[in-house]
Every structure is written in structure tokens, then in C-alpha cells.
Amino acid sequence: MHEKLVRGEYPSLREMALAFRISTRQAEREIEYLRRVFRAPLKYSRKYGGYYYAEPFEFPLLFG
């Protein structure tokens, strides 16, 4: 999903749920986790019906 977000696509909760074989409720929890733990600037677009990065974002390197 990160790659889709970086490319400017707007993945929906349903799309995330199908891709990862989880419920849409679990997809919501994952979005919240990314916001809380990684401080991902994820926003929802009503216009496009999906999520996007409000500013450039990359995951921090865990091992370097």
C-alpha cells in the first residue's frame, strides 16, 4: 500500500482489506497504527474515496 500511496493513488479501506485478506475494521486499525507509531501523515480524501499522504513520507530504517 505504501507504494500506491507514494505514487499518488488513493487506496480505500476495502482495497486494503482485500489485498491483505483482513476485515475493513482491521484495515482501519492498521491506518491508525501507522499514524500513531510511525507518524505517517495519512489523510482520507472524500473526493477520491481513499487515503493519501498529506506530505512526503518514508518509513524509517529499522536496521541500518
Protein backbone atom coordinates (compact mmCIF):
# COMPACT_ATOMS: atom_id res chain seq x y z
CA MET A 1 0.00 0.00 0.00
CA HIS A 2 2.89 2.34 0.73
CA GLU A 3 3.94 2.17 -2.92
CA LYS A 4 0.42 3.08 -4.07
CA LEU A 5 0.36 6.00 -1.65
CA VAL A 6 3.75 7.24 -2.84
CA ARG A 7 2.57 7.02 -6.47
CA GLY A 8 -0.36 9.29 -5.62
CA GLU A 9 -3.03 6.60 -5.71
CA TYR A 10 -5.84 6.60 -3.15
CA PRO A 11 -6.30 3.09 -1.75
CA SER A 12 -9.55 2.56 0.14
CA LEU A 13 -10.10 0.50 3.26
CA ARG A 14 -11.87 -2.10 1.14
CA GLU A 15 -8.91 -2.32 -1.24
CA MET A 16 -6.50 -2.70 1.70
CA ALA A 17 -8.72 -5.34 3.29
CA LEU A 18 -8.86 -7.37 0.07
CA ALA A 19 -5.13 -7.06 -0.59
CA PHE A 20 -4.17 -8.28 2.88
CA ARG A 21 -7.16 -10.58 3.46
CA ILE A 22 -8.28 -8.73 6.57
CA SER A 23 -11.53 -7.04 7.58
CA THR A 24 -12.15 -3.39 6.80
CA ARG A 25 -12.22 -2.79 10.56
CA GLN A 26 -8.73 -4.27 10.84
CA ALA A 27 -7.62 -2.07 7.92
CA GLU A 28 -8.86 0.96 9.91
CA ARG A 29 -6.81 -0.19 12.90
CA GLU A 30 -3.75 -0.53 10.68
CA ILE A 31 -4.19 3.04 9.41
CA GLU A 32 -4.39 4.28 13.00
CA TYR A 33 -1.30 2.25 13.92
CA LEU A 34 0.68 3.81 11.06
CA ARG A 35 -0.39 7.27 12.18
CA ARG A 36 0.38 6.66 15.86
CA VAL A 37 3.58 4.61 15.73
CA PHE A 38 5.24 5.83 12.53
CA ARG A 39 3.59 9.27 12.46
CA ALA A 40 2.54 8.62 8.87
CA PRO A 41 0.73 11.71 7.54
CA LEU A 42 -2.23 9.67 6.26
CA LYS A 43 -5.38 11.58 5.39
CA TYR A 44 -8.66 10.47 3.85
CA SER A 45 -9.91 12.04 0.63
CA ARG A 46 -13.68 12.12 0.23
CA LYS A 47 -13.21 13.19 -3.37
CA TYR A 48 -11.19 10.07 -4.28
CA GLY A 49 -12.60 7.69 -1.67
CA GLY A 50 -9.25 6.63 -0.28
CA TYR A 51 -6.17 7.51 1.71
CA TYR A 52 -3.16 9.58 0.74
CA TYR A 53 -0.01 11.02 2.28
CA ALA A 54 -0.57 14.69 3.15
CA GLU A 55 3.19 15.22 2.84
CA PRO A 56 6.14 13.12 1.61
CA PHE A 57 6.71 10.12 3.86
CA GLU A 58 9.11 7.18 4.03
CA PHE A 59 9.32 4.52 6.69
CA PRO A 60 12.36 4.84 8.96
CA LEU A 61 15.08 2.23 8.55
CA LEU A 62 14.78 -0.26 11.39
CA PHE A 63 18.20 -1.79 10.83
CA GLY A 64 21.00 0.09 9.21
